[in-house]
Amino acid sequence: MNNIHSILMVRPSSFRTNVQTIENNYFQNLSKIGDKETLKKAQDEFDHLVKKIESFDIPVNVFQDDLTYDTPDSLFPNNWISFHKNNKIALYPMFAKNRRLERNENILKFLESNNVKIKSIFDYTIAEKNKQYLEGTGSMVLDRINKKVYASISERTSEILIDEFCEDFNYMPIVFKSYQSHDNARKLIYHTNVMMCIADKYSIICLDSIDCNIEKNKVFESLKDDGKEIIEISSRQLNSFAGNMIELVYNNQSYLVMSASAYESLSKEQIIKINKYSQIIFSDVSTIEYCGGGSVRCMIAEIFN
């Protein structure tokens, strides 16, 4: 099992619907309430999720975002940073200009003060100059045990950068395209981690979102070859963020963390399958999901030390 050291979560200071990302994140919506109320609700949801995770004795490094920059999506740190064994980290190029401001050296200093060692940094951010993007473990769903990257190509996920990451970290790329129905058309899903989740012994995935049968079969066979139980979710469940879950293994105990909307969308049979392997943790983040277009997995960067 791939035990974590801890997780990083960033408490927001200016959360609201980010108009720079809404053009290709079809899960996002304009808030129906004022920015102050939206921020307060998001902070309450964030705090409640942290308490839920900590109640299972999982260590959480909470960094309070400040107002140095206007960063409405700062509570989604997994898009700009990922942590790897041997104290390696990667920094990623971001599609939205205001999201690039989330890359904060103070967060790295904060983590180092909390006994998180950082020895080497792989920095891909220069690719922004060429309008190439790879938004961390949003763009890539990592099977860290079998050393595979599952990546759904989109405006925010460059195949060139996937290959570069795979070469640097010794992963094998499994590349495909996934779609959602929006405005009576099939549109590319912006991040892979909203349509699939990889755990140690199973995978939760919306295979219906992969329109090409050849690509669908490639993904299915890859998961099957690694002995993972495949738990399929529907497009309706995908829209409830049932793909945006994360397995955290701490002290050899597996937990699957998700939102309340994701949990409520699951069938009894799906919950039974998950419970064979993992204890489920869920919490309401409906404001964050509605305005941010991301859910619990996006809010967590797992740390391996």
Protein backbone atom coordinates (compact mmCIF):
# COMPACT_ATOMS: atom_id res chain seq x y z
CA MET A 1 0.00 0.00 0.00
CA ASN A 2 1.14 3.52 -0.77
CA ASN A 3 1.03 5.26 2.62
CA ILE A 4 0.91 9.04 2.72
CA HIS A 5 2.88 11.23 5.11
CA SER A 6 0.13 13.86 5.27
CA ILE A 7 -1.96 16.02 2.95
CA LEU A 8 -1.90 19.67 1.93
CA MET A 9 -5.09 21.75 1.85
CA VAL A 10 -5.30 25.50 1.18
CA ARG A 11 -8.01 27.47 3.00
CA PRO A 12 -9.43 30.05 0.58
CA SER A 13 -9.40 33.81 1.10
CA SER A 14 -11.10 34.97 -2.12
CA PHE A 15 -13.12 32.00 -3.42
CA ARG A 16 -15.78 32.72 -6.05
CA THR A 17 -16.64 31.58 -9.58
CA ASN A 18 -13.45 32.07 -11.59
CA VAL A 19 -14.46 33.65 -14.91
CA GLN A 20 -11.04 32.74 -16.38
CA THR A 21 -11.73 29.01 -16.06
CA ILE A 22 -15.46 28.78 -16.75
CA GLU A 23 -14.93 28.76 -20.54
CA ASN A 24 -13.79 25.12 -20.54
CA ASN A 25 -14.91 23.84 -17.13
CA TYR A 26 -18.52 22.84 -17.78
CA PHE A 27 -19.06 21.84 -14.15
CA GLN A 28 -18.74 25.48 -13.09
CA ASN A 29 -21.63 27.88 -12.55
CA LEU A 30 -21.95 31.56 -11.80
CA SER A 31 -22.86 32.09 -8.16
CA LYS A 32 -26.44 33.08 -7.38
CA ILE A 33 -25.35 34.85 -4.20
CA GLY A 34 -22.80 37.61 -3.47
CA ASP A 35 -19.06 37.02 -3.37
CA LYS A 36 -18.85 37.50 0.43
CA GLU A 37 -21.53 34.92 1.11
CA THR A 38 -20.01 32.53 -1.43
CA LEU A 39 -16.61 32.83 0.28
CA LYS A 40 -18.11 32.30 3.76
CA LYS A 41 -19.96 29.16 2.62
CA ALA A 42 -16.83 27.80 0.91
CA GLN A 43 -14.72 28.42 4.03
CA ASP A 44 -17.30 26.65 6.22
CA GLU A 45 -17.37 23.68 3.82
CA PHE A 46 -13.57 23.60 3.76
CA ASP A 47 -13.30 23.69 7.56
CA HIS A 48 -15.87 20.93 7.97
CA LEU A 49 -14.05 18.70 5.46
CA VAL A 50 -10.74 19.22 7.27
CA LYS A 51 -12.35 18.26 10.60
CA LYS A 52 -13.87 15.15 9.04
CA ILE A 53 -10.50 14.02 7.64
CA GLU A 54 -8.65 14.83 10.87
CA SER A 55 -11.22 12.83 12.85
CA PHE A 56 -9.68 9.73 11.20
CA ASP A 57 -6.23 10.82 12.47
CA ILE A 58 -5.02 11.71 8.97
CA PRO A 59 -2.52 14.63 9.27
CA VAL A 60 -3.67 17.73 7.37
CA ASN A 61 -1.37 20.69 6.65
CA VAL A 62 -3.79 23.63 6.32
CA PHE A 63 -2.29 26.71 4.72
CA GLN A 64 -4.38 29.86 5.02
CA ASP A 65 -4.30 31.65 1.69
CA ASP A 66 -3.74 35.38 2.00
CA LEU A 67 -4.86 38.29 -0.15
CA THR A 68 -1.45 39.02 -1.71
CA TYR A 69 -2.93 37.90 -5.03
CA ASP A 70 -6.50 37.45 -6.22
CA THR A 71 -6.69 33.65 -6.38
CA PRO A 72 -10.31 32.46 -6.45
CA ASP A 73 -9.30 28.81 -7.02
CA SER A 74 -6.49 28.57 -4.45
CA LEU A 75 -8.32 25.80 -2.55
CA PHE A 76 -7.47 23.44 -5.46
CA PRO A 77 -3.68 23.04 -4.87
CA ASN A 78 -3.41 19.66 -6.61
CA ASN A 79 -3.45 21.47 -9.97
CA TRP A 80 -0.17 23.33 -9.45
CA ILE A 81 1.84 20.94 -7.27
CA SER A 82 2.27 17.20 -6.75
CA PHE A 83 4.41 15.31 -4.26
CA HIS A 84 6.36 12.13 -4.92
CA LYS A 85 8.56 9.65 -3.13
CA ASN A 86 12.22 10.51 -2.47
CA ASN A 87 11.12 14.06 -1.55
CA LYS A 88 10.45 15.11 -5.14
CA ILE A 89 7.81 17.64 -6.16
CA ALA A 90 6.50 18.85 -9.51
CA LEU A 91 5.19 22.31 -10.40
CA TYR A 92 2.73 22.63 -13.26
CA PRO A 93 1.73 25.09 -16.01
CA MET A 94 -1.81 26.42 -15.62
CA PHE A 95 -4.36 27.47 -18.24
CA ALA A 96 -5.82 30.50 -16.39
CA LYS A 97 -3.50 33.41 -15.68
CA ASN A 98 -4.92 34.05 -12.23
CA ARG A 99 -4.41 30.39 -11.30
CA ARG A 100 -0.67 30.72 -11.97
CA LEU A 101 -0.56 33.05 -8.96
CA GLU A 102 -1.45 30.08 -6.73
CA ARG A 103 2.12 28.75 -7.02
CA ASN A 104 3.32 30.11 -3.72
CA GLU A 105 6.79 29.69 -2.24
CA ASN A 106 5.33 30.41 1.20
CA ILE A 107 3.41 27.14 0.96
CA LEU A 108 6.66 25.23 0.40
CA LYS A 109 8.26 27.00 3.38
CA PHE A 110 5.17 26.24 5.47
CA LEU A 111 5.39 22.55 4.57
CA GLU A 112 9.11 22.39 5.31
CA SER A 113 8.40 23.87 8.75
CA ASN A 114 5.98 20.97 9.23
CA ASN A 115 8.65 18.31 8.53
CA VAL A 116 7.89 17.87 4.83
CA LYS A 117 11.22 17.43 3.07
CA ILE A 118 11.68 18.77 -0.46
CA LYS A 119 14.91 17.75 -2.18
CA SER A 120 14.23 18.15 -5.89
CA ILE A 121 11.75 20.17 -7.95
CA PHE A 122 10.61 19.33 -11.48
CA ASP A 123 9.31 22.60 -12.89
CA TYR A 124 7.17 22.42 -16.04
CA THR A 125 5.78 25.95 -15.79
CA ILE A 126 7.86 27.37 -18.64
CA ALA A 127 5.46 25.56 -21.00
CA GLU A 128 2.91 28.33 -20.32
CA LYS A 129 4.89 30.47 -22.78
CA ASN A 130 3.94 27.97 -25.51
CA LYS A 131 0.33 27.74 -24.29
CA GLN A 132 0.87 24.16 -23.18
CA TYR A 133 -0.70 23.13 -19.88
CA LEU A 134 -0.65 20.20 -17.49
CA GLU A 135 -2.68 20.83 -14.37
CA GLY A 136 -1.14 18.35 -11.95
CA THR A 137 -3.22 15.51 -10.58
CA GLY A 138 -6.27 17.11 -12.12
CA SER A 139 -4.90 16.47 -15.61
CA MET A 140 -3.26 13.19 -14.60
CA VAL A 141 -4.71 10.41 -12.47
CA LEU A 142 -1.66 8.61 -11.16
CA ASP A 143 -1.49 4.90 -10.44
CA ARG A 144 1.53 5.26 -8.21
CA ILE A 145 1.87 1.53 -7.57
CA ASN A 146 1.79 0.38 -11.20
CA LYS A 147 3.51 3.57 -12.41
CA LYS A 148 0.84 4.56 -14.92
CA VAL A 149 -0.58 7.97 -15.82
CA TYR A 150 -4.19 8.08 -16.98
CA ALA A 151 -4.75 11.33 -18.84
CA SER A 152 -7.73 12.68 -20.74
CA ILE A 153 -6.48 15.19 -23.31
CA SER A 154 -8.05 18.64 -23.16
CA GLU A 155 -7.14 22.29 -23.50
CA ARG A 156 -5.60 21.98 -20.03
CA THR A 157 -3.82 18.66 -20.56
CA SER A 158 -1.00 18.54 -23.12
CA GLU A 159 0.14 15.16 -24.43
CA ILE A 160 3.65 16.56 -24.93
CA LEU A 161 3.87 17.45 -21.24
CA ILE A 162 2.42 14.10 -20.19
CA ASP A 163 5.27 12.39 -22.04
CA GLU A 164 7.77 14.71 -20.37
CA PHE A 165 6.36 13.95 -16.91
CA CYS A 166 6.35 10.20 -17.63
CA GLU A 167 9.98 10.30 -18.69
CA ASP A 168 11.01 12.25 -15.58
CA PHE A 169 9.06 10.10 -13.11
CA ASN A 170 9.22 6.75 -14.92
CA TYR A 171 5.48 6.35 -15.59
CA MET A 172 3.69 4.81 -18.56
CA PRO A 173 1.09 7.10 -20.22
CA ILE A 174 -2.46 5.87 -20.88
CA VAL A 175 -3.87 8.70 -23.00
CA PHE A 176 -7.44 9.13 -24.26
CA LYS A 177 -10.25 11.68 -24.61
CA SER A 178 -13.34 11.88 -22.41
CA TYR A 179 -16.46 13.94 -22.97
CA GLN A 180 -19.52 15.30 -21.21
CA SER A 181 -22.78 16.49 -22.72
CA HIS A 182 -23.14 20.27 -22.50
CA ASP A 183 -25.39 22.59 -24.53
CA ASN A 184 -26.52 19.65 -26.70
CA ALA A 185 -22.93 18.85 -27.68
CA ARG A 186 -20.13 16.52 -26.56
CA LYS A 187 -17.42 18.65 -24.94
CA LEU A 188 -14.01 17.55 -23.70
CA ILE A 189 -13.87 17.02 -19.95
CA TYR A 190 -11.41 19.56 -18.58
CA HIS A 191 -9.70 17.32 -16.00
CA THR A 192 -9.21 13.56 -15.92
CA ASN A 193 -9.85 13.41 -12.18
CA VAL A 194 -13.53 14.25 -12.55
CA MET A 195 -14.20 11.12 -14.62
CA MET A 196 -11.99 8.57 -12.83
CA CYS A 197 -10.34 7.74 -9.53
CA ILE A 198 -7.55 5.21 -9.04
CA ALA A 199 -7.23 3.36 -5.75
CA ASP A 200 -4.88 0.56 -4.72
CA LYS A 201 -7.25 -2.31 -5.48
CA TYR A 202 -10.03 -0.68 -7.51
CA SER A 203 -10.91 2.12 -9.89
CA ILE A 204 -14.04 4.26 -10.06
CA ILE A 205 -14.58 5.40 -13.63
CA CYS A 206 -17.18 6.72 -16.05
CA LEU A 207 -16.34 4.60 -19.09
CA ASP A 208 -19.37 6.08 -20.89
CA SER A 209 -17.48 9.39 -21.07
CA ILE A 210 -14.87 7.84 -23.40
CA ASP A 211 -16.62 7.97 -26.77
CA CYS A 212 -13.96 6.12 -28.77
CA ASN A 213 -14.37 2.37 -28.23
CA ILE A 214 -10.70 1.69 -28.93
CA GLU A 215 -9.62 4.17 -26.25
CA LYS A 216 -12.31 2.92 -23.85
CA ASN A 217 -11.07 -0.64 -24.26
CA LYS A 218 -7.45 0.46 -23.79
CA VAL A 219 -8.28 2.07 -20.43
CA PHE A 220 -10.45 -0.87 -19.34
CA GLU A 221 -7.81 -3.46 -20.21
CA SER A 222 -5.05 -1.48 -18.49
CA LEU A 223 -7.05 -1.37 -15.24
CA LYS A 224 -7.99 -5.03 -15.58
CA ASP A 225 -4.37 -6.07 -16.25
CA ASP A 226 -3.38 -4.49 -12.93
CA GLY A 227 -6.04 -6.52 -11.10
CA LYS A 228 -8.20 -3.56 -10.15
CA GLU A 229 -11.91 -4.04 -9.57
CA ILE A 230 -13.63 -1.64 -11.96
CA ILE A 231 -16.56 0.22 -10.40
CA GLU A 232 -18.39 1.98 -13.20
CA ILE A 233 -20.28 5.22 -12.64
CA SER A 234 -22.85 6.80 -14.94
CA SER A 235 -22.75 10.21 -16.59
CA ARG A 236 -25.31 11.38 -14.04
CA GLN A 237 -23.01 10.27 -11.22
CA LEU A 238 -20.05 11.93 -12.93
CA ASN A 239 -22.01 15.20 -12.87
CA SER A 240 -22.41 14.69 -9.10
CA PHE A 241 -18.58 14.47 -8.82
CA ALA A 242 -18.57 10.71 -8.16
CA GLY A 243 -15.37 10.49 -10.23
CA ASN A 244 -13.65 13.17 -8.14
CA MET A 245 -12.69 11.02 -5.17
CA ILE A 246 -9.30 10.27 -3.63
CA GLU A 247 -7.97 7.24 -1.79
CA LEU A 248 -5.75 8.15 1.15
CA VAL A 249 -3.80 5.32 2.75
CA TYR A 250 -2.53 6.20 6.21
CA ASN A 251 -1.05 3.67 8.65
CA ASN A 252 -2.01 0.96 6.14
CA GLN A 253 -5.70 1.88 6.42
CA SER A 254 -7.46 2.89 3.19
CA TYR A 255 -9.94 5.77 3.16
CA LEU A 256 -11.90 7.03 0.16
CA VAL A 257 -12.65 10.74 0.52
CA MET A 258 -15.50 12.29 -1.47
CA SER A 259 -18.21 14.93 -1.37
CA ALA A 260 -21.70 14.43 0.02
CA SER A 261 -23.15 14.87 -3.47
CA ALA A 262 -20.85 12.14 -4.80
CA TYR A 263 -21.75 9.81 -1.92
CA GLU A 264 -25.48 10.41 -2.30
CA SER A 265 -25.29 9.59 -6.03
CA LEU A 266 -23.83 6.12 -5.39
CA SER A 267 -25.94 2.99 -5.41
CA LYS A 268 -25.97 0.56 -2.46
CA GLU A 269 -24.09 -1.94 -4.63
CA GLN A 270 -21.34 0.58 -5.43
CA ILE A 271 -20.96 1.50 -1.75
CA ILE A 272 -20.68 -2.20 -0.82
CA LYS A 273 -17.93 -2.65 -3.43
CA ILE A 274 -15.99 0.37 -2.12
CA ASN A 275 -16.39 -0.72 1.50
CA LYS A 276 -14.64 -4.01 0.71
CA TYR A 277 -11.44 -2.00 0.38
CA SER A 278 -11.85 1.45 1.93
CA GLN A 279 -13.62 3.36 4.67
CA ILE A 280 -15.65 6.16 3.12
CA ILE A 281 -15.30 9.75 4.32
CA PHE A 282 -17.69 12.31 2.85
CA SER A 283 -18.54 15.94 3.48
CA ASP A 284 -20.74 18.61 1.92
CA VAL A 285 -18.80 20.92 -0.42
CA SER A 286 -21.75 21.91 -2.62
CA THR A 287 -20.86 25.62 -2.88
CA ILE A 288 -17.29 24.74 -3.88
CA GLU A 289 -18.59 22.26 -6.46
CA TYR A 290 -21.20 24.63 -7.90
CA CYS A 291 -18.96 27.70 -8.24
CA GLY A 292 -15.53 26.07 -8.52
CA GLY A 293 -16.37 23.16 -10.78
CA GLY A 294 -14.19 20.87 -8.69
CA SER A 295 -14.71 18.70 -5.64
CA VAL A 296 -12.90 16.95 -2.81
CA ARG A 297 -10.13 15.32 -4.83
CA CYS A 298 -9.15 18.71 -6.26
CA MET A 299 -8.83 20.12 -2.73
CA ILE A 300 -6.22 17.59 -1.59
CA ALA A 301 -2.54 17.24 -2.49
CA GLU A 302 -1.21 14.03 -0.96
CA ILE A 303 2.33 14.12 0.44
CA PHE A 304 4.77 11.19 0.45
CA ASN A 305 7.86 11.65 2.56
